[in-house]
Amino acid sequence: IDLYLEDRSFTRAVFVLTFEAVKSTSPIRGRIRDWLSSGADTVESGLRAGVLDGSVRRDVDVEAATTDISTSGLGVAYHWIVFDDSYRLDRELAIVRDRIIRAYGAESASLR
């Protein structure tokens, strides 16, 4: 959300590149795949750390939650690219964040 608020043009360019990499012949496919994998690894690490510190429920399927969180962010970004600024990326990301906290957060984390 911070990057979007700071520089919308750059943020849009990053997401457009991400979707450009869908083509199997794209020269940036490997780099974007590595970047997305790194992001998913960060999400997974955060979830595992959250299970240990009690901020994430112990019964969460970390692999499924990692996929959910990663694809939710990309889905919101796709809508923003297609619908331009009529689609409020900051608002929609906040909604996704709240849903993720409700879905995976421990009771005490959900109340924050």
N, C-alpha and C. Protein backbone atom coordinates (compact mmCIF):
# COMPACT_ATOMS: atom_id res chain seq x y z
N ILE A 1 0.84 -1.19 0.00
CA ILE A 1 0.00 0.00 0.00
C ILE A 1 0.88 1.24 0.00
N ASP A 2 1.97 1.20 0.77
CA ASP A 2 2.85 2.37 0.85
C ASP A 2 3.44 2.73 -0.51
N LEU A 3 3.91 1.71 -1.25
CA LEU A 3 4.50 1.98 -2.57
C LEU A 3 3.46 2.58 -3.51
N TYR A 4 2.24 2.06 -3.47
CA TYR A 4 1.16 2.60 -4.29
C TYR A 4 0.91 4.07 -3.96
N LEU A 5 0.85 4.39 -2.68
CA LEU A 5 0.59 5.77 -2.28
C LEU A 5 1.76 6.69 -2.61
N GLU A 6 2.96 6.12 -2.60
CA GLU A 6 4.16 6.90 -2.87
C GLU A 6 4.39 7.15 -4.36
N ASP A 7 4.18 6.11 -5.19
CA ASP A 7 4.47 6.23 -6.62
C ASP A 7 3.58 5.28 -7.41
N ARG A 8 2.42 5.75 -7.80
CA ARG A 8 1.45 4.91 -8.51
C ARG A 8 1.98 4.45 -9.86
N SER A 9 2.68 5.31 -10.57
CA SER A 9 3.18 4.93 -11.90
C SER A 9 4.18 3.78 -11.81
N PHE A 10 5.08 3.86 -10.85
CA PHE A 10 6.05 2.79 -10.67
C PHE A 10 5.35 1.50 -10.26
N THR A 11 4.42 1.60 -9.33
CA THR A 11 3.69 0.42 -8.87
C THR A 11 2.95 -0.23 -10.03
N ARG A 12 2.31 0.57 -10.85
CA ARG A 12 1.60 0.04 -12.02
C ARG A 12 2.59 -0.65 -12.97
N ALA A 13 3.74 -0.05 -13.20
CA ALA A 13 4.73 -0.65 -14.09
C ALA A 13 5.20 -2.01 -13.57
N VAL A 14 5.39 -2.11 -12.27
CA VAL A 14 5.81 -3.39 -11.67
C VAL A 14 4.77 -4.46 -11.93
N PHE A 15 3.50 -4.14 -11.71
CA PHE A 15 2.45 -5.14 -11.91
C PHE A 15 2.23 -5.46 -13.38
N VAL A 16 2.35 -4.48 -14.25
CA VAL A 16 2.24 -4.75 -15.69
C VAL A 16 3.35 -5.71 -16.11
N LEU A 17 4.55 -5.49 -15.63
CA LEU A 17 5.66 -6.42 -15.93
C LEU A 17 5.35 -7.83 -15.42
N THR A 18 4.75 -7.90 -14.26
CA THR A 18 4.39 -9.20 -13.70
C THR A 18 3.47 -9.96 -14.66
N PHE A 19 2.49 -9.28 -15.19
CA PHE A 19 1.56 -9.94 -16.10
C PHE A 19 2.16 -10.12 -17.49
N GLU A 20 3.12 -9.32 -17.87
CA GLU A 20 3.86 -9.52 -19.13
C GLU A 20 4.59 -10.86 -19.08
N ALA A 21 5.04 -11.25 -17.92
CA ALA A 21 5.82 -12.48 -17.76
C ALA A 21 4.98 -13.75 -17.92
N VAL A 22 3.68 -13.61 -18.08
CA VAL A 22 2.81 -14.77 -18.28
C VAL A 22 3.16 -15.47 -19.59
N LYS A 23 3.54 -14.70 -20.59
CA LYS A 23 3.89 -15.29 -21.89
C LYS A 23 5.13 -16.16 -21.73
N SER A 24 5.09 -17.38 -22.23
CA SER A 24 6.22 -18.29 -22.08
C SER A 24 7.47 -17.78 -22.81
N THR A 25 7.29 -16.89 -23.77
CA THR A 25 8.43 -16.35 -24.51
C THR A 25 8.95 -15.03 -23.93
N SER A 26 8.35 -14.56 -22.85
CA SER A 26 8.75 -13.28 -22.28
C SER A 26 10.18 -13.35 -21.74
N PRO A 27 11.00 -12.36 -22.10
CA PRO A 27 12.38 -12.35 -21.60
C PRO A 27 12.48 -12.08 -20.09
N ILE A 28 11.41 -11.60 -19.49
CA ILE A 28 11.46 -11.33 -18.05
C ILE A 28 10.78 -12.42 -17.21
N ARG A 29 10.32 -13.47 -17.87
CA ARG A 29 9.57 -14.53 -17.18
C ARG A 29 10.35 -15.12 -16.00
N GLY A 30 11.59 -15.49 -16.21
CA GLY A 30 12.39 -16.09 -15.14
C GLY A 30 12.60 -15.14 -13.97
N ARG A 31 12.88 -13.91 -14.27
CA ARG A 31 13.11 -12.92 -13.21
C ARG A 31 11.84 -12.68 -12.39
N ILE A 32 10.72 -12.54 -13.07
CA ILE A 32 9.45 -12.31 -12.36
C ILE A 32 9.06 -13.55 -11.56
N ARG A 33 9.28 -14.74 -12.14
CA ARG A 33 8.97 -15.97 -11.41
C ARG A 33 9.81 -16.05 -10.13
N ASP A 34 11.09 -15.69 -10.24
CA ASP A 34 11.96 -15.68 -9.06
C ASP A 34 11.46 -14.68 -8.02
N TRP A 35 11.05 -13.51 -8.48
CA TRP A 35 10.55 -12.46 -7.58
C TRP A 35 9.28 -12.91 -6.87
N LEU A 36 8.36 -13.51 -7.63
CA LEU A 36 7.11 -14.00 -7.03
C LEU A 36 7.38 -15.16 -6.06
N SER A 37 8.31 -16.03 -6.43
CA SER A 37 8.67 -17.14 -5.53
C SER A 37 9.28 -16.61 -4.24
N SER A 38 10.12 -15.59 -4.37
CA SER A 38 10.72 -14.98 -3.19
C SER A 38 9.64 -14.35 -2.31
N GLY A 39 8.68 -13.70 -2.93
CA GLY A 39 7.58 -13.11 -2.18
C GLY A 39 6.77 -14.17 -1.46
N ALA A 40 6.49 -15.29 -2.13
CA ALA A 40 5.75 -16.39 -1.51
C ALA A 40 6.55 -16.99 -0.36
N ASP A 41 7.86 -17.10 -0.55
CA ASP A 41 8.72 -17.60 0.54
C ASP A 41 8.65 -16.68 1.75
N THR A 42 8.61 -15.39 1.51
CA THR A 42 8.51 -14.41 2.60
C THR A 42 7.17 -14.56 3.32
N VAL A 43 6.10 -14.73 2.56
CA VAL A 43 4.78 -14.94 3.16
C VAL A 43 4.79 -16.21 4.00
N GLU A 44 5.31 -17.29 3.44
CA GLU A 44 5.36 -18.56 4.17
C GLU A 44 6.17 -18.43 5.45
N SER A 45 7.33 -17.79 5.37
CA SER A 45 8.16 -17.58 6.57
C SER A 45 7.41 -16.77 7.62
N GLY A 46 6.70 -15.75 7.17
CA GLY A 46 5.93 -14.92 8.10
C GLY A 46 4.82 -15.71 8.77
N LEU A 47 4.15 -16.55 7.99
CA LEU A 47 3.10 -17.38 8.58
C LEU A 47 3.67 -18.36 9.60
N ARG A 48 4.79 -19.00 9.25
CA ARG A 48 5.41 -19.96 10.18
C ARG A 48 5.87 -19.26 11.46
N ALA A 49 6.45 -18.07 11.30
CA ALA A 49 6.86 -17.31 12.48
C ALA A 49 5.64 -16.92 13.31
N GLY A 50 4.54 -16.58 12.63
CA GLY A 50 3.31 -16.23 13.33
C GLY A 50 2.72 -17.39 14.10
N VAL A 51 2.83 -18.59 13.54
CA VAL A 51 2.36 -19.77 14.28
C VAL A 51 3.18 -19.91 15.56
N LEU A 52 4.49 -19.72 15.45
CA LEU A 52 5.36 -19.85 16.62
C LEU A 52 5.10 -18.78 17.66
N ASP A 53 4.85 -17.54 17.21
CA ASP A 53 4.65 -16.46 18.20
C ASP A 53 3.19 -16.29 18.63
N GLY A 54 2.31 -17.10 18.04
CA GLY A 54 0.92 -17.07 18.46
C GLY A 54 0.03 -16.09 17.72
N SER A 55 0.57 -15.35 16.74
CA SER A 55 -0.26 -14.39 16.02
C SER A 55 -1.04 -15.05 14.87
N VAL A 56 -0.61 -16.26 14.48
CA VAL A 56 -1.31 -17.03 13.45
C VAL A 56 -1.81 -18.31 14.11
N ARG A 57 -3.03 -18.69 13.78
CA ARG A 57 -3.61 -19.91 14.36
C ARG A 57 -2.74 -21.13 14.05
N ARG A 58 -2.63 -22.01 14.99
CA ARG A 58 -1.80 -23.21 14.83
C ARG A 58 -2.37 -24.19 13.81
N ASP A 59 -3.69 -24.15 13.56
CA ASP A 59 -4.31 -25.09 12.63
C ASP A 59 -4.29 -24.63 11.18
N VAL A 60 -3.64 -23.51 10.89
CA VAL A 60 -3.59 -22.98 9.54
C VAL A 60 -2.73 -23.87 8.65
N ASP A 61 -3.25 -24.21 7.48
CA ASP A 61 -2.47 -24.91 6.46
C ASP A 61 -1.60 -23.84 5.80
N VAL A 62 -0.33 -23.81 6.18
CA VAL A 62 0.56 -22.72 5.76
C VAL A 62 0.72 -22.70 4.25
N GLU A 63 0.82 -23.85 3.61
CA GLU A 63 0.98 -23.90 2.16
C GLU A 63 -0.23 -23.29 1.46
N ALA A 64 -1.43 -23.69 1.88
CA ALA A 64 -2.65 -23.15 1.28
C ALA A 64 -2.80 -21.65 1.57
N ALA A 65 -2.47 -21.24 2.78
CA ALA A 65 -2.57 -19.82 3.14
C ALA A 65 -1.58 -18.99 2.34
N THR A 66 -0.39 -19.52 2.10
CA THR A 66 0.61 -18.81 1.29
C THR A 66 0.08 -18.57 -0.11
N THR A 67 -0.52 -19.59 -0.70
CA THR A 67 -1.10 -19.45 -2.04
C THR A 67 -2.24 -18.45 -2.03
N ASP A 68 -3.11 -18.54 -1.04
CA ASP A 68 -4.25 -17.62 -0.93
C ASP A 68 -3.77 -16.18 -0.84
N ILE A 69 -2.83 -15.93 0.04
CA ILE A 69 -2.36 -14.56 0.25
C ILE A 69 -1.66 -14.03 -0.99
N SER A 70 -0.81 -14.85 -1.60
CA SER A 70 -0.07 -14.40 -2.79
C SER A 70 -1.01 -14.12 -3.96
N THR A 71 -1.95 -15.02 -4.20
CA THR A 71 -2.83 -14.83 -5.35
C THR A 71 -3.86 -13.74 -5.10
N SER A 72 -4.23 -13.52 -3.86
CA SER A 72 -5.16 -12.42 -3.56
C SER A 72 -4.55 -11.07 -3.92
N GLY A 73 -3.29 -10.89 -3.56
CA GLY A 73 -2.61 -9.64 -3.89
C GLY A 73 -2.50 -9.43 -5.38
N LEU A 74 -2.15 -10.49 -6.11
CA LEU A 74 -2.04 -10.36 -7.56
C LEU A 74 -3.39 -10.13 -8.22
N GLY A 75 -4.44 -10.74 -7.68
CA GLY A 75 -5.78 -10.52 -8.23
C GLY A 75 -6.23 -9.07 -8.09
N VAL A 76 -5.97 -8.51 -6.93
CA VAL A 76 -6.31 -7.10 -6.70
C VAL A 76 -5.49 -6.21 -7.64
N ALA A 77 -4.22 -6.53 -7.80
CA ALA A 77 -3.37 -5.74 -8.70
C ALA A 77 -3.87 -5.81 -10.14
N TYR A 78 -4.30 -6.98 -10.57
CA TYR A 78 -4.83 -7.14 -11.92
C TYR A 78 -6.05 -6.25 -12.13
N HIS A 79 -6.96 -6.27 -11.18
CA HIS A 79 -8.14 -5.40 -11.30
C HIS A 79 -7.74 -3.93 -11.40
N TRP A 80 -6.78 -3.53 -10.62
CA TRP A 80 -6.34 -2.14 -10.65
C TRP A 80 -5.76 -1.78 -12.01
N ILE A 81 -4.97 -2.68 -12.59
CA ILE A 81 -4.38 -2.41 -13.91
C ILE A 81 -5.49 -2.28 -14.95
N VAL A 82 -6.47 -3.15 -14.90
CA VAL A 82 -7.54 -3.14 -15.90
C VAL A 82 -8.48 -1.95 -15.71
N PHE A 83 -8.84 -1.67 -14.46
CA PHE A 83 -9.84 -0.62 -14.21
C PHE A 83 -9.23 0.74 -13.89
N ASP A 84 -7.91 0.82 -13.86
CA ASP A 84 -7.19 2.06 -13.62
C ASP A 84 -7.56 2.64 -12.25
N ASP A 85 -7.47 3.92 -12.10
CA ASP A 85 -7.64 4.53 -10.79
C ASP A 85 -9.08 4.57 -10.30
N SER A 86 -10.04 4.13 -11.12
CA SER A 86 -11.40 4.00 -10.60
C SER A 86 -11.48 2.84 -9.60
N TYR A 87 -10.48 1.98 -9.62
CA TYR A 87 -10.37 0.86 -8.68
C TYR A 87 -9.33 1.26 -7.65
N ARG A 88 -9.74 1.48 -6.43
CA ARG A 88 -8.85 2.00 -5.39
C ARG A 88 -7.97 0.90 -4.83
N LEU A 89 -6.75 0.80 -5.35
CA LEU A 89 -5.84 -0.27 -4.94
C LEU A 89 -5.57 -0.25 -3.44
N ASP A 90 -5.35 0.92 -2.87
CA ASP A 90 -5.06 1.00 -1.44
C ASP A 90 -6.23 0.47 -0.62
N ARG A 91 -7.44 0.85 -0.99
CA ARG A 91 -8.63 0.39 -0.28
C ARG A 91 -8.81 -1.12 -0.42
N GLU A 92 -8.65 -1.62 -1.64
CA GLU A 92 -8.86 -3.05 -1.90
C GLU A 92 -7.79 -3.89 -1.21
N LEU A 93 -6.54 -3.43 -1.19
CA LEU A 93 -5.49 -4.16 -0.48
C LEU A 93 -5.76 -4.19 1.02
N ALA A 94 -6.29 -3.10 1.54
CA ALA A 94 -6.63 -3.07 2.97
C ALA A 94 -7.75 -4.08 3.27
N ILE A 95 -8.71 -4.19 2.37
CA ILE A 95 -9.79 -5.17 2.54
C ILE A 95 -9.22 -6.59 2.52
N VAL A 96 -8.32 -6.86 1.59
CA VAL A 96 -7.69 -8.19 1.52
C VAL A 96 -6.89 -8.44 2.79
N ARG A 97 -6.15 -7.45 3.24
CA ARG A 97 -5.36 -7.60 4.47
C ARG A 97 -6.26 -7.94 5.65
N ASP A 98 -7.37 -7.24 5.79
CA ASP A 98 -8.31 -7.51 6.88
C ASP A 98 -8.86 -8.93 6.79
N ARG A 99 -9.19 -9.37 5.58
CA ARG A 99 -9.70 -10.74 5.40
C ARG A 99 -8.64 -11.77 5.79
N ILE A 100 -7.41 -11.52 5.41
CA ILE A 100 -6.32 -12.45 5.73
C ILE A 100 -6.14 -12.54 7.25
N ILE A 101 -6.19 -11.41 7.91
CA ILE A 101 -6.06 -11.42 9.38
C ILE A 101 -7.21 -12.20 10.01
N ARG A 102 -8.43 -11.98 9.51
CA ARG A 102 -9.58 -12.72 10.05
C ARG A 102 -9.46 -14.22 9.78
N ALA A 103 -8.97 -14.57 8.58
CA ALA A 103 -8.91 -15.98 8.18
C ALA A 103 -7.81 -16.74 8.89
N TYR A 104 -6.67 -16.10 9.12
CA TYR A 104 -5.50 -16.84 9.61
C TYR A 104 -4.99 -16.38 10.96
N GLY A 105 -5.39 -15.22 11.39
CA GLY A 105 -4.88 -14.69 12.64
C GLY A 105 -5.46 -15.40 13.85
N ALA A 106 -4.64 -15.50 14.87
CA ALA A 106 -5.12 -16.02 16.15
C ALA A 106 -6.14 -15.04 16.69
N GLU A 107 -6.97 -15.48 17.58
CA GLU A 107 -8.04 -14.62 18.13
C GLU A 107 -7.51 -13.26 18.58
N SER A 108 -6.39 -13.26 19.29
CA SER A 108 -5.85 -11.98 19.78
C SER A 108 -5.36 -11.11 18.65
N ALA A 109 -4.83 -11.70 17.56
CA ALA A 109 -4.36 -10.92 16.42
C ALA A 109 -5.54 -10.34 15.64
N SER A 110 -6.65 -11.06 15.59
CA SER A 110 -7.82 -10.58 14.86
C SER A 110 -8.45 -9.37 15.54
N LEU A 111 -8.23 -9.20 16.81
CA LEU A 111 -8.83 -8.09 17.55
C LEU A 111 -8.01 -6.80 17.45
N ARG A 112 -6.82 -6.87 16.87
CA ARG A 112 -5.95 -5.68 16.79
C ARG A 112 -6.45 -4.66 15.81
